[in-house]
PDB file of N, CA and C in Angstrom:
ATOM      1  N   UNK A   1       0.847  -1.189   0.000  1.00  0.00           N
ATOM      2  CA  UNK A   1       0.000   0.000   0.000  1.00  0.00           C
ATOM      3  C   UNK A   1       0.889   1.248   0.000  1.00  0.00           C
ATOM      4  N   UNK A   2       0.540   2.198  -0.809  1.00  0.00           N
ATOM      5  CA  UNK A   2       1.276   3.460  -0.867  1.00  0.00           C
ATOM      6  C   UNK A   2       0.849   4.328   0.308  1.00  0.00           C
ATOM      7  N   UNK A   3       1.836   4.833   1.044  1.00  0.00           N
ATOM      8  CA  UNK A   3       1.543   5.678   2.198  1.00  0.00           C
ATOM      9  C   UNK A   3       1.319   7.118   1.746  1.00  0.00           C
ATOM     10  N   UNK A   4       0.353   7.813   2.348  1.00  0.00           N
ATOM     11  CA  UNK A   4       0.164   9.234   2.023  1.00  0.00           C
ATOM     12  C   UNK A   4       1.333  10.061   2.568  1.00  0.00           C
ATOM     13  N   UNK A   5       1.543  11.232   1.969  1.00  0.00           N
ATOM     14  CA  UNK A   5       2.598  12.108   2.455  1.00  0.00           C
ATOM     15  C   UNK A   5       2.259  12.604   3.853  1.00  0.00           C
ATOM     16  N   UNK A   6       3.284  12.766   4.651  1.00  0.00           N
ATOM     17  CA  UNK A   6       3.140  13.222   6.025  1.00  0.00           C
ATOM     18  C   UNK A   6       2.670  14.688   6.068  1.00  0.00           C
ATOM     19  N   UNK A   7       1.706  14.964   6.948  1.00  0.00           N
ATOM     20  CA  UNK A   7       1.279  16.346   7.174  1.00  0.00           C
ATOM     21  C   UNK A   7       2.372  17.087   7.935  1.00  0.00           C
ATOM     22  N   UNK A   8       2.557  18.326   7.621  1.00  0.00           N
ATOM     23  CA  UNK A   8       3.568  19.172   8.259  1.00  0.00           C
ATOM     24  C   UNK A   8       4.957  18.550   8.165  1.00  0.00           C
ATOM     25  N   UNK A   9       5.403  18.398   6.926  1.00  0.00           N
ATOM     26  CA  UNK A   9       6.771  17.937   6.689  1.00  0.00           C
ATOM     27  C   UNK A   9       7.761  18.896   7.358  1.00  0.00           C
ATOM     28  N   UNK A  10       7.477  20.200   7.248  1.00  0.00           N
ATOM     29  CA  UNK A  10       8.254  21.237   7.930  1.00  0.00           C
ATOM     30  C   UNK A  10       7.356  21.915   8.952  1.00  0.00           C
ATOM     31  N   UNK A  11       7.951  22.436  10.023  1.00  0.00           N
ATOM     32  CA  UNK A  11       7.170  23.259  10.939  1.00  0.00           C
ATOM     33  C   UNK A  11       6.636  24.438  10.144  1.00  0.00           C
ATOM     34  N   UNK A  12       5.387  24.780  10.377  1.00  0.00           N
ATOM     35  CA  UNK A  12       4.748  25.827   9.584  1.00  0.00           C
ATOM     36  C   UNK A  12       5.512  27.152   9.649  1.00  0.00           C
ATOM     37  N   UNK A  13       5.955  27.553  10.828  1.00  0.00           N
ATOM     38  CA  UNK A  13       6.692  28.808  10.959  1.00  0.00           C
ATOM     39  C   UNK A  13       7.991  28.774  10.176  1.00  0.00           C
ATOM     40  N   UNK A  14       8.671  27.639  10.160  1.00  0.00           N
ATOM     41  CA  UNK A  14       9.922  27.503   9.409  1.00  0.00           C
ATOM     42  C   UNK A  14       9.658  27.549   7.907  1.00  0.00           C
ATOM     43  N   UNK A  15       8.592  26.911   7.470  1.00  0.00           N
ATOM     44  CA  UNK A  15       8.190  26.923   6.064  1.00  0.00           C
ATOM     45  C   UNK A  15       7.986  28.365   5.613  1.00  0.00           C
ATOM     46  N   UNK A  16       7.208  29.096   6.375  1.00  0.00           N
ATOM     47  CA  UNK A  16       6.894  30.494   6.050  1.00  0.00           C
ATOM     48  C   UNK A  16       8.156  31.361   6.094  1.00  0.00           C
ATOM     49  N   UNK A  17       8.997  31.137   7.089  1.00  0.00           N
ATOM     50  CA  UNK A  17      10.234  31.902   7.246  1.00  0.00           C
ATOM     51  C   UNK A  17      11.160  31.721   6.035  1.00  0.00           C
ATOM     52  N   UNK A  18      11.341  30.486   5.595  1.00  0.00           N
ATOM     53  CA  UNK A  18      12.197  30.220   4.435  1.00  0.00           C
ATOM     54  C   UNK A  18      11.595  30.840   3.183  1.00  0.00           C
ATOM     55  N   UNK A  19      10.312  30.685   2.994  1.00  0.00           N
ATOM     56  CA  UNK A  19       9.633  31.234   1.817  1.00  0.00           C
ATOM     57  C   UNK A  19       9.832  32.749   1.764  1.00  0.00           C
ATOM     58  N   UNK A  20       9.573  33.435   2.873  1.00  0.00           N
ATOM     59  CA  UNK A  20       9.700  34.890   2.895  1.00  0.00           C
ATOM     60  C   UNK A  20      11.153  35.350   2.781  1.00  0.00           C
ATOM     61  N   UNK A  21      12.084  34.571   3.296  1.00  0.00           N
ATOM     62  CA  UNK A  21      13.502  34.929   3.174  1.00  0.00           C
ATOM     63  C   UNK A  21      13.942  34.874   1.709  1.00  0.00           C
ATOM     64  N   UNK A  22      13.518  33.864   0.992  1.00  0.00           N
ATOM     65  CA  UNK A  22      13.916  33.699  -0.405  1.00  0.00           C
ATOM     66  C   UNK A  22      13.166  34.669  -1.323  1.00  0.00           C
ATOM     67  N   UNK A  23      11.860  34.742  -1.184  1.00  0.00           N
ATOM     68  CA  UNK A  23      11.045  35.543  -2.085  1.00  0.00           C
ATOM     69  C   UNK A  23      10.891  36.994  -1.625  1.00  0.00           C
ATOM     70  N   UNK A  24      10.964  37.234  -0.333  1.00  0.00           N
ATOM     71  CA  UNK A  24      10.568  38.536   0.194  1.00  0.00           C
ATOM     72  C   UNK A  24       9.065  38.523   0.348  1.00  0.00           C
ATOM     73  N   UNK A  25       8.563  39.314   1.264  1.00  0.00           N
ATOM     74  CA  UNK A  25       7.129  39.264   1.573  1.00  0.00           C
ATOM     75  C   UNK A  25       6.252  39.663   0.381  1.00  0.00           C
ATOM     76  N   UNK A  26       6.607  40.732  -0.330  1.00  0.00           N
ATOM     77  CA  UNK A  26       5.785  41.177  -1.469  1.00  0.00           C
ATOM     78  C   UNK A  26       5.761  40.151  -2.591  1.00  0.00           C
ATOM     79  N   UNK A  27       6.940  39.600  -2.946  1.00  0.00           N
ATOM     80  CA  UNK A  27       6.982  38.594  -4.007  1.00  0.00           C
ATOM     81  C   UNK A  27       6.241  37.325  -3.599  1.00  0.00           C
ATOM     82  N   UNK A  28       6.301  36.975  -2.325  1.00  0.00           N
ATOM     83  CA  UNK A  28       5.573  35.802  -1.841  1.00  0.00           C
ATOM     84  C   UNK A  28       4.074  35.989  -2.059  1.00  0.00           C
ATOM     85  N   UNK A  29       3.554  37.125  -1.661  1.00  0.00           N
ATOM     86  CA  UNK A  29       2.120  37.396  -1.805  1.00  0.00           C
ATOM     87  C   UNK A  29       1.722  37.399  -3.276  1.00  0.00           C
ATOM     88  N   UNK A  30       2.514  38.072  -4.123  1.00  0.00           N
ATOM     89  CA  UNK A  30       2.181  38.129  -5.547  1.00  0.00           C
ATOM     90  C   UNK A  30       2.288  36.754  -6.211  1.00  0.00           C
ATOM     91  N   UNK A  31       3.298  35.978  -5.824  1.00  0.00           N
ATOM     92  CA  UNK A  31       3.456  34.629  -6.373  1.00  0.00           C
ATOM     93  C   UNK A  31       2.232  33.781  -6.050  1.00  0.00           C
ATOM     94  N   UNK A  32       1.842  33.761  -4.810  1.00  0.00           N
ATOM     95  CA  UNK A  32       0.701  32.940  -4.392  1.00  0.00           C
ATOM     96  C   UNK A  32      -0.604  33.465  -4.990  1.00  0.00           C
ATOM     97  N   UNK A  33      -0.702  34.778  -5.140  1.00  0.00           N
ATOM     98  CA  UNK A  33      -1.908  35.379  -5.715  1.00  0.00           C
ATOM     99  C   UNK A  33      -1.975  35.197  -7.233  1.00  0.00           C
ATOM    100  N   UNK A  34      -0.887  34.735  -7.828  1.00  0.00           N
ATOM    101  CA  UNK A  34      -0.878  34.506  -9.274  1.00  0.00           C
ATOM    102  C   UNK A  34      -0.583  35.748 -10.092  1.00  0.00           C
ATOM    103  N   UNK A  35       0.060  36.738  -9.488  1.00  0.00           N
ATOM    104  CA  UNK A  35       0.335  37.997 -10.188  1.00  0.00           C
ATOM    105  C   UNK A  35       1.816  38.358 -10.150  1.00  0.00           C
ATOM    106  N   UNK A  36       2.691  37.373 -10.182  1.00  0.00           N
ATOM    107  CA  UNK A  36       4.127  37.628 -10.132  1.00  0.00           C
ATOM    108  C   UNK A  36       4.602  38.175 -11.479  1.00  0.00           C
ATOM    109  N   UNK A  37       5.349  39.292 -11.454  1.00  0.00           N
ATOM    110  CA  UNK A  37       5.880  39.869 -12.685  1.00  0.00           C
ATOM    111  C   UNK A  37       4.765  40.176 -13.661  1.00  0.00           C
ATOM    112  N   UNK A  38       4.910  39.720 -14.891  1.00  0.00           N
ATOM    113  CA  UNK A  38       3.910  39.970 -15.941  1.00  0.00           C
ATOM    114  C   UNK A  38       2.824  38.904 -15.965  1.00  0.00           C
ATOM    115  N   UNK A  39       2.906  37.959 -15.062  1.00  0.00           N
ATOM    116  CA  UNK A  39       1.943  36.859 -14.998  1.00  0.00           C
ATOM    117  C   UNK A  39       0.700  37.314 -14.238  1.00  0.00           C
ATOM    118  N   UNK A  40      -0.463  37.115 -14.839  1.00  0.00           N
ATOM    119  CA  UNK A  40      -1.699  37.530 -14.161  1.00  0.00           C
ATOM    120  C   UNK A  40      -2.829  36.534 -14.374  1.00  0.00           C
ATOM    121  N   UNK A  41      -2.498  35.265 -14.424  1.00  0.00           N
ATOM    122  CA  UNK A  41      -3.567  34.294 -14.681  1.00  0.00           C
ATOM    123  C   UNK A  41      -3.656  33.225 -13.599  1.00  0.00           C
ATOM    124  N   UNK A  42      -3.523  33.660 -12.359  1.00  0.00           N
ATOM    125  CA  UNK A  42      -3.699  32.737 -11.248  1.00  0.00           C
ATOM    126  C   UNK A  42      -2.452  31.932 -10.943  1.00  0.00           C
ATOM    127  N   UNK A  43      -2.546  31.081  -9.954  1.00  0.00           N
ATOM    128  CA  UNK A  43      -1.408  30.278  -9.509  1.00  0.00           C
ATOM    129  C   UNK A  43      -1.203  29.118 -10.473  1.00  0.00           C
ATOM    130  N   UNK A  44      -0.634  29.438 -11.620  1.00  0.00           N
ATOM    131  CA  UNK A  44      -0.332  28.451 -12.652  1.00  0.00           C
ATOM    132  C   UNK A  44       0.895  28.960 -13.403  1.00  0.00           C
ATOM    133  N   UNK A  45       2.068  28.531 -12.955  1.00  0.00           N
ATOM    134  CA  UNK A  45       3.334  28.987 -13.530  1.00  0.00           C
ATOM    135  C   UNK A  45       4.073  27.809 -14.134  1.00  0.00           C
ATOM    136  N   UNK A  46       4.799  28.091 -15.213  1.00  0.00           N
ATOM    137  CA  UNK A  46       5.656  27.086 -15.841  1.00  0.00           C
ATOM    138  C   UNK A  46       6.995  27.754 -16.153  1.00  0.00           C
ATOM    139  N   UNK A  47       8.076  27.194 -15.618  1.00  0.00           N
ATOM    140  CA  UNK A  47       9.417  27.637 -15.972  1.00  0.00           C
ATOM    141  C   UNK A  47      10.139  26.422 -16.551  1.00  0.00           C
ATOM    142  N   UNK A  48      11.439  26.540 -16.763  1.00  0.00           N
ATOM    143  CA  UNK A  48      12.192  25.425 -17.341  1.00  0.00           C
ATOM    144  C   UNK A  48      12.194  24.219 -16.419  1.00  0.00           C
ATOM    145  N   UNK A  49      12.305  24.446 -15.114  1.00  0.00           N
ATOM    146  CA  UNK A  49      12.447  23.337 -14.172  1.00  0.00           C
ATOM    147  C   UNK A  49      11.321  23.213 -13.157  1.00  0.00           C
ATOM    148  N   UNK A  50      10.305  24.068 -13.258  1.00  0.00           N
ATOM    149  CA  UNK A  50       9.242  24.054 -12.252  1.00  0.00           C
ATOM    150  C   UNK A  50       7.864  24.200 -12.884  1.00  0.00           C
ATOM    151  N   UNK A  51       6.909  23.554 -12.260  1.00  0.00           N
ATOM    152  CA  UNK A  51       5.494  23.720 -12.576  1.00  0.00           C
ATOM    153  C   UNK A  51       4.794  24.011 -11.258  1.00  0.00           C
ATOM    154  N   UNK A  52       4.087  25.124 -11.199  1.00  0.00           N
ATOM    155  CA  UNK A  52       3.340  25.517  -9.999  1.00  0.00           C
ATOM    156  C   UNK A  52       1.866  25.586 -10.381  1.00  0.00           C
ATOM    157  N   UNK A  53       1.035  24.976  -9.560  1.00  0.00           N
ATOM    158  CA  UNK A  53      -0.384  24.915  -9.898  1.00  0.00           C
ATOM    159  C   UNK A  53      -1.211  24.720  -8.640  1.00  0.00           C
ATOM    160  N   UNK A  54      -2.491  24.977  -8.782  1.00  0.00           N
ATOM    161  CA  UNK A  54      -3.423  24.861  -7.670  1.00  0.00           C
ATOM    162  C   UNK A  54      -4.551  23.914  -8.080  1.00  0.00           C
ATOM    163  N   UNK A  55      -4.870  22.991  -7.208  1.00  0.00           N
ATOM    164  CA  UNK A  55      -6.024  22.112  -7.402  1.00  0.00           C
ATOM    165  C   UNK A  55      -6.913  22.338  -6.192  1.00  0.00           C
ATOM    166  N   UNK A  56      -8.083  22.902  -6.464  1.00  0.00           N
ATOM    167  CA  UNK A  56      -8.987  23.341  -5.414  1.00  0.00           C
ATOM    168  C   UNK A  56      -8.220  24.291  -4.502  1.00  0.00           C
ATOM    169  N   UNK A  57      -7.953  23.956  -3.264  1.00  0.00           N
ATOM    170  CA  UNK A  57      -7.232  24.869  -2.385  1.00  0.00           C
ATOM    171  C   UNK A  57      -5.850  24.349  -1.988  1.00  0.00           C
ATOM    172  N   UNK A  58      -5.374  23.350  -2.713  1.00  0.00           N
ATOM    173  CA  UNK A  58      -4.033  22.818  -2.484  1.00  0.00           C
ATOM    174  C   UNK A  58      -3.075  23.429  -3.498  1.00  0.00           C
ATOM    175  N   UNK A  59      -2.004  24.046  -3.006  1.00  0.00           N
ATOM    176  CA  UNK A  59      -1.005  24.704  -3.833  1.00  0.00           C
ATOM    177  C   UNK A  59       0.196  23.784  -3.979  1.00  0.00           C
ATOM    178  N   UNK A  60       0.661  23.609  -5.223  1.00  0.00           N
ATOM    179  CA  UNK A  60       1.714  22.645  -5.549  1.00  0.00           C
ATOM    180  C   UNK A  60       2.888  23.343  -6.228  1.00  0.00           C
ATOM    181  N   UNK A  61       4.099  22.964  -5.828  1.00  0.00           N
ATOM    182  CA  UNK A  61       5.310  23.336  -6.550  1.00  0.00           C
ATOM    183  C   UNK A  61       6.004  22.032  -6.888  1.00  0.00           C
ATOM    184  N   UNK A  62       6.143  21.772  -8.179  1.00  0.00           N
ATOM    185  CA  UNK A  62       6.782  20.553  -8.653  1.00  0.00           C
ATOM    186  C   UNK A  62       8.112  20.919  -9.296  1.00  0.00           C
ATOM    187  N   UNK A  63       9.187  20.344  -8.777  1.00  0.00           N
ATOM    188  CA  UNK A  63      10.508  20.501  -9.377  1.00  0.00           C
ATOM    189  C   UNK A  63      10.618  19.422 -10.450  1.00  0.00           C
ATOM    190  N   UNK A  64      10.568  19.838 -11.710  1.00  0.00           N
ATOM    191  CA  UNK A  64      10.549  18.893 -12.820  1.00  0.00           C
ATOM    192  C   UNK A  64      11.867  18.137 -12.975  1.00  0.00           C
ATOM    193  N   UNK A  65      12.961  18.704 -12.485  1.00  0.00           N
ATOM    194  CA  UNK A  65      14.262  18.049 -12.640  1.00  0.00           C
ATOM    195  C   UNK A  65      14.498  16.962 -11.592  1.00  0.00           C
ATOM    196  N   UNK A  66      13.835  17.060 -10.440  1.00  0.00           N
ATOM    197  CA  UNK A  66      14.051  16.077  -9.369  1.00  0.00           C
ATOM    198  C   UNK A  66      12.802  15.281  -9.014  1.00  0.00           C
ATOM    199  N   UNK A  67      11.647  15.783  -9.415  1.00  0.00           N
ATOM    200  CA  UNK A  67      10.389  15.130  -9.065  1.00  0.00           C
ATOM    201  C   UNK A  67       9.875  15.477  -7.676  1.00  0.00           C
ATOM    202  N   UNK A  68      10.564  16.380  -6.975  1.00  0.00           N
ATOM    203  CA  UNK A  68      10.125  16.773  -5.632  1.00  0.00           C
ATOM    204  C   UNK A  68       8.858  17.622  -5.752  1.00  0.00           C
ATOM    205  N   UNK A  69       7.874  17.281  -4.970  1.00  0.00           N
ATOM    206  CA  UNK A  69       6.607  17.999  -4.938  1.00  0.00           C
ATOM    207  C   UNK A  69       6.379  18.552  -3.536  1.00  0.00           C
ATOM    208  N   UNK A  70       6.137  19.858  -3.465  1.00  0.00           N
ATOM    209  CA  UNK A  70       5.788  20.528  -2.219  1.00  0.00           C
ATOM    210  C   UNK A  70       4.329  20.957  -2.340  1.00  0.00           C
ATOM    211  N   UNK A  71       3.544  20.681  -1.320  1.00  0.00           N
ATOM    212  CA  UNK A  71       2.120  21.020  -1.331  1.00  0.00           C
ATOM    213  C   UNK A  71       1.775  21.689  -0.009  1.00  0.00           C
ATOM    214  N   UNK A  72       0.940  22.720  -0.077  1.00  0.00           N
ATOM    215  CA  UNK A  72       0.377  23.283   1.146  1.00  0.00           C
ATOM    216  C   UNK A  72      -1.055  23.695   0.858  1.00  0.00           C
ATOM    217  N   UNK A  73      -1.810  23.880   1.919  1.00  0.00           N
ATOM    218  CA  UNK A  73      -3.246  24.133   1.843  1.00  0.00           C
ATOM    219  C   UNK A  73      -3.541  25.618   2.006  1.00  0.00           C
ATOM    220  N   UNK A  74      -4.417  26.130   1.167  1.00  0.00           N
ATOM    221  CA  UNK A  74      -4.972  27.479   1.284  1.00  0.00           C
ATOM    222  C   UNK A  74      -3.973  28.599   1.009  1.00  0.00           C
ATOM    223  N   UNK A  75      -3.230  28.530  -0.065  1.00  0.00           N
ATOM    224  CA  UNK A  75      -2.393  29.611  -0.562  1.00  0.00           C
ATOM    225  C   UNK A  75      -1.732  30.522   0.439  1.00  0.00           C
ATOM    226  N   UNK A  76      -2.389  31.628   0.776  1.00  0.00           N
ATOM    227  CA  UNK A  76      -1.784  32.619   1.658  1.00  0.00           C
ATOM    228  C   UNK A  76      -1.690  32.151   3.105  1.00  0.00           C
ATOM    229  N   UNK A  77      -2.259  31.011   3.427  1.00  0.00           N
ATOM    230  CA  UNK A  77      -2.043  30.381   4.734  1.00  0.00           C
ATOM    231  C   UNK A  77      -0.739  29.597   4.615  1.00  0.00           C
ATOM    232  N   UNK A  78       0.291  30.265   4.220  1.00  0.00           N
ATOM    233  CA  UNK A  78       1.569  29.677   3.825  1.00  0.00           C
ATOM    234  C   UNK A  78       2.067  28.647   4.833  1.00  0.00           C
ATOM    235  N   UNK A  79       2.304  27.444   4.346  1.00  0.00           N
ATOM    236  CA  UNK A  79       2.831  26.374   5.189  1.00  0.00           C
ATOM    237  C   UNK A  79       1.790  25.531   5.885  1.00  0.00           C
ATOM    238  N   UNK A  80       0.530  25.896   5.740  1.00  0.00           N
ATOM    239  CA  UNK A  80      -0.529  25.136   6.411  1.00  0.00           C
ATOM    240  C   UNK A  80      -0.603  23.735   5.817  1.00  0.00           C
ATOM    241  N   UNK A  81      -0.536  22.744   6.670  1.00  0.00           N
ATOM    242  CA  UNK A  81      -0.618  21.328   6.269  1.00  0.00           C
ATOM    243  C   UNK A  81       0.375  20.997   5.156  1.00  0.00           C
ATOM    244  N   UNK A  82       1.584  21.581   5.193  1.00  0.00           N
ATOM    245  CA  UNK A  82       2.544  21.362   4.114  1.00  0.00           C
ATOM    246  C   UNK A  82       3.012  19.909   4.061  1.00  0.00           C
ATOM    247  N   UNK A  83       3.252  19.474   2.830  1.00  0.00           N
ATOM    248  CA  UNK A  83       3.697  18.112   2.576  1.00  0.00           C
ATOM    249  C   UNK A  83       4.839  18.134   1.568  1.00  0.00           C
ATOM    250  N   UNK A  84       5.656  17.092   1.590  1.00  0.00           N
ATOM    251  CA  UNK A  84       6.753  16.954   0.641  1.00  0.00           C
ATOM    252  C   UNK A  84       6.822  15.503   0.196  1.00  0.00           C
ATOM    253  N   UNK A  85       7.062  15.307  -1.091  1.00  0.00           N
ATOM    254  CA  UNK A  85       7.086  13.951  -1.640  1.00  0.00           C
ATOM    255  C   UNK A  85       8.356  13.181  -1.281  1.00  0.00           C
ATOM    256  N   UNK A  86       9.372  13.884  -0.791  1.00  0.00           N
ATOM    257  CA  UNK A  86      10.629  13.210  -0.447  1.00  0.00           C
ATOM    258  C   UNK A  86      10.885  13.317   1.047  1.00  0.00           C
ATOM    259  N   UNK A  87      10.803  12.228   1.785  1.00  0.00           N
ATOM    260  CA  UNK A  87      10.915  12.260   3.246  1.00  0.00           C
ATOM    261  C   UNK A  87      12.213  12.873   3.777  1.00  0.00           C
ATOM    262  N   UNK A  88      13.307  12.773   3.021  1.00  0.00           N
ATOM    263  CA  UNK A  88      14.586  13.291   3.512  1.00  0.00           C
ATOM    264  C   UNK A  88      14.864  14.728   3.075  1.00  0.00           C
ATOM    265  N   UNK A  89      13.891  15.402   2.509  1.00  0.00           N
ATOM    266  CA  UNK A  89      14.041  16.783   2.023  1.00  0.00           C
ATOM    267  C   UNK A  89      14.118  17.724   3.220  1.00  0.00           C
ATOM    268  N   UNK A  90      15.208  18.486   3.304  1.00  0.00           N
ATOM    269  CA  UNK A  90      15.455  19.356   4.460  1.00  0.00           C
ATOM    270  C   UNK A  90      15.041  20.795   4.176  1.00  0.00           C
ATOM    271  N   UNK A  91      15.051  21.613   5.218  1.00  0.00           N
ATOM    272  CA  UNK A  91      14.780  23.039   5.039  1.00  0.00           C
ATOM    273  C   UNK A  91      15.825  23.681   4.126  1.00  0.00           C
ATOM    274  N   UNK A  92      17.062  23.230   4.218  1.00  0.00           N
ATOM    275  CA  UNK A  92      18.119  23.740   3.341  1.00  0.00           C
ATOM    276  C   UNK A  92      17.811  23.380   1.883  1.00  0.00           C
ATOM    277  N   UNK A  93      17.353  22.160   1.648  1.00  0.00           N
ATOM    278  CA  UNK A  93      16.943  21.741   0.299  1.00  0.00           C
ATOM    279  C   UNK A  93      15.781  22.607  -0.193  1.00  0.00           C
ATOM    280  N   UNK A  94      14.825  22.842   0.691  1.00  0.00           N
ATOM    281  CA  UNK A  94      13.657  23.655   0.361  1.00  0.00           C
ATOM    282  C   UNK A  94      14.082  25.070  -0.011  1.00  0.00           C
ATOM    283  N   UNK A  95      14.992  25.639   0.760  1.00  0.00           N
ATOM    284  CA  UNK A  95      15.469  26.989   0.474  1.00  0.00           C
ATOM    285  C   UNK A  95      16.168  27.041  -0.888  1.00  0.00           C
ATOM    286  N   UNK A  96      16.972  26.042  -1.190  1.00  0.00           N
ATOM    287  CA  UNK A  96      17.653  25.979  -2.491  1.00  0.00           C
ATOM    288  C   UNK A  96      16.638  25.864  -3.625  1.00  0.00           C
ATOM    289  N   UNK A  97      15.637  25.018  -3.427  1.00  0.00           N
ATOM    290  CA  UNK A  97      14.590  24.837  -4.436  1.00  0.00           C
ATOM    291  C   UNK A  97      13.853  26.152  -4.689  1.00  0.00           C
ATOM    292  N   UNK A  98      13.463  26.836  -3.613  1.00  0.00           N
ATOM    293  CA  UNK A  98      12.751  28.105  -3.760  1.00  0.00           C
ATOM    294  C   UNK A  98      13.622  29.167  -4.416  1.00  0.00           C
ATOM    295  N   UNK A  99      14.900  29.179  -4.104  1.00  0.00           N
ATOM    296  CA  UNK A  99      15.820  30.134  -4.709  1.00  0.00           C
ATOM    297  C   UNK A  99      15.895  29.923  -6.227  1.00  0.00           C
ATOM    298  N   UNK A 100      16.003  28.671  -6.638  1.00  0.00           N
ATOM    299  CA  UNK A 100      16.030  28.353  -8.066  1.00  0.00           C
ATOM    300  C   UNK A 100      14.708  28.717  -8.728  1.00  0.00           C
ATOM    301  N   UNK A 101      13.596  28.427  -8.066  1.00  0.00           N
ATOM    302  CA  UNK A 101      12.280  28.786  -8.593  1.00  0.00           C
ATOM    303  C   UNK A 101      12.152  30.291  -8.744  1.00  0.00           C
ATOM    304  N   UNK A 102      12.532  31.048  -7.718  1.00  0.00           N
ATOM    305  CA  UNK A 102      12.418  32.506  -7.755  1.00  0.00           C
ATOM    306  C   UNK A 102      13.235  33.084  -8.920  1.00  0.00           C
ATOM    307  N   UNK A 103      14.438  32.587  -9.098  1.00  0.00           N
ATOM    308  CA  UNK A 103      15.287  33.036 -10.210  1.00  0.00           C
ATOM    309  C   UNK A 103      14.617  32.760 -11.554  1.00  0.00           C
ATOM    310  N   UNK A 104      14.078  31.569 -11.714  1.00  0.00           N
ATOM    311  CA  UNK A 104      13.422  31.215 -12.973  1.00  0.00           C
ATOM    312  C   UNK A 104      12.144  32.014 -13.196  1.00  0.00           C
ATOM    313  N   UNK A 105      11.388  32.284 -12.137  1.00  0.00           N
ATOM    314  CA  UNK A 105      10.186  33.108 -12.285  1.00  0.00           C
ATOM    315  C   UNK A 105      10.543  34.491 -12.819  1.00  0.00           C
ATOM    316  N   UNK A 106      11.613  35.068 -12.304  1.00  0.00           N
ATOM    317  CA  UNK A 106      12.054  36.389 -12.771  1.00  0.00           C
ATOM    318  C   UNK A 106      12.483  36.307 -14.235  1.00  0.00           C
ATOM    319  N   UNK A 107      13.210  35.254 -14.609  1.00  0.00           N
ATOM    320  CA  UNK A 107      13.649  35.095 -15.996  1.00  0.00           C
ATOM    321  C   UNK A 107      12.477  34.935 -16.952  1.00  0.00           C
ATOM    322  N   UNK A 108      11.446  34.206 -16.539  1.00  0.00           N
ATOM    323  CA  UNK A 108      10.310  33.925 -17.411  1.00  0.00           C
ATOM    324  C   UNK A 108       9.264  35.047 -17.387  1.00  0.00           C
ATOM    325  N   UNK A 109       8.939  35.549 -16.197  1.00  0.00           N
ATOM    326  CA  UNK A 109       7.837  36.495 -16.056  1.00  0.00           C
ATOM    327  C   UNK A 109       8.288  37.931 -15.776  1.00  0.00           C
ATOM    328  N   UNK A 110       9.570  38.163 -15.593  1.00  0.00           N
ATOM    329  CA  UNK A 110      10.087  39.502 -15.342  1.00  0.00           C
ATOM    330  C   UNK A 110      10.103  39.826 -13.857  1.00  0.00           C
ATOM    331  N   UNK A 111      10.813  40.902 -13.539  1.00  0.00           N
ATOM    332  CA  UNK A 111      10.877  41.371 -12.152  1.00  0.00           C
ATOM    333  C   UNK A 111       9.470  41.650 -11.657  1.00  0.00           C
ATOM    334  N   UNK A 112       9.283  41.469 -10.377  1.00  0.00           N
ATOM    335  CA  UNK A 112       7.967  41.734  -9.792  1.00  0.00           C
ATOM    336  C   UNK A 112       7.698  43.227  -9.814  1.00  0.00           C
ATOM    337  N   UNK A 113       6.449  43.604  -9.825  1.00  0.00           N
ATOM    338  CA  UNK A 113       6.033  45.006  -9.911  1.00  0.00           C
ATOM    339  C   UNK A 113       6.383  45.820  -8.677  1.00  0.00           C
ATOM    340  N   UNK A 114       6.437  45.169  -7.521  1.00  0.00           N
ATOM    341  CA  UNK A 114       6.629  45.898  -6.272  1.00  0.00           C
ATOM    342  C   UNK A 114       8.050  46.330  -6.070  1.00  0.00           C
TER     343      UNK A 114
END
């Protein structure tokens, strides 16, 4: 039987702290709201190595190069019920992943408006 992903892979405060450190508070809000840079069509982003999408109220970041999937519930409730597809994925790994995603978002969608 396939086991479901563990709830709260990271402590919620740590998840939020890393996200805001990498993206900055304004970019975090715009990214989750679906208005990062020139992008204005909801939480649905595609870069060279990442696919970000929302299914109902679950927000997903998929690293296409590694297959790592990060999921959290309710967008701006950043880190709520967060899950990760790789049990050994650390906060340092998460920070690196977000840094690469942020760089690619800027390359694809342009600098954020704020």
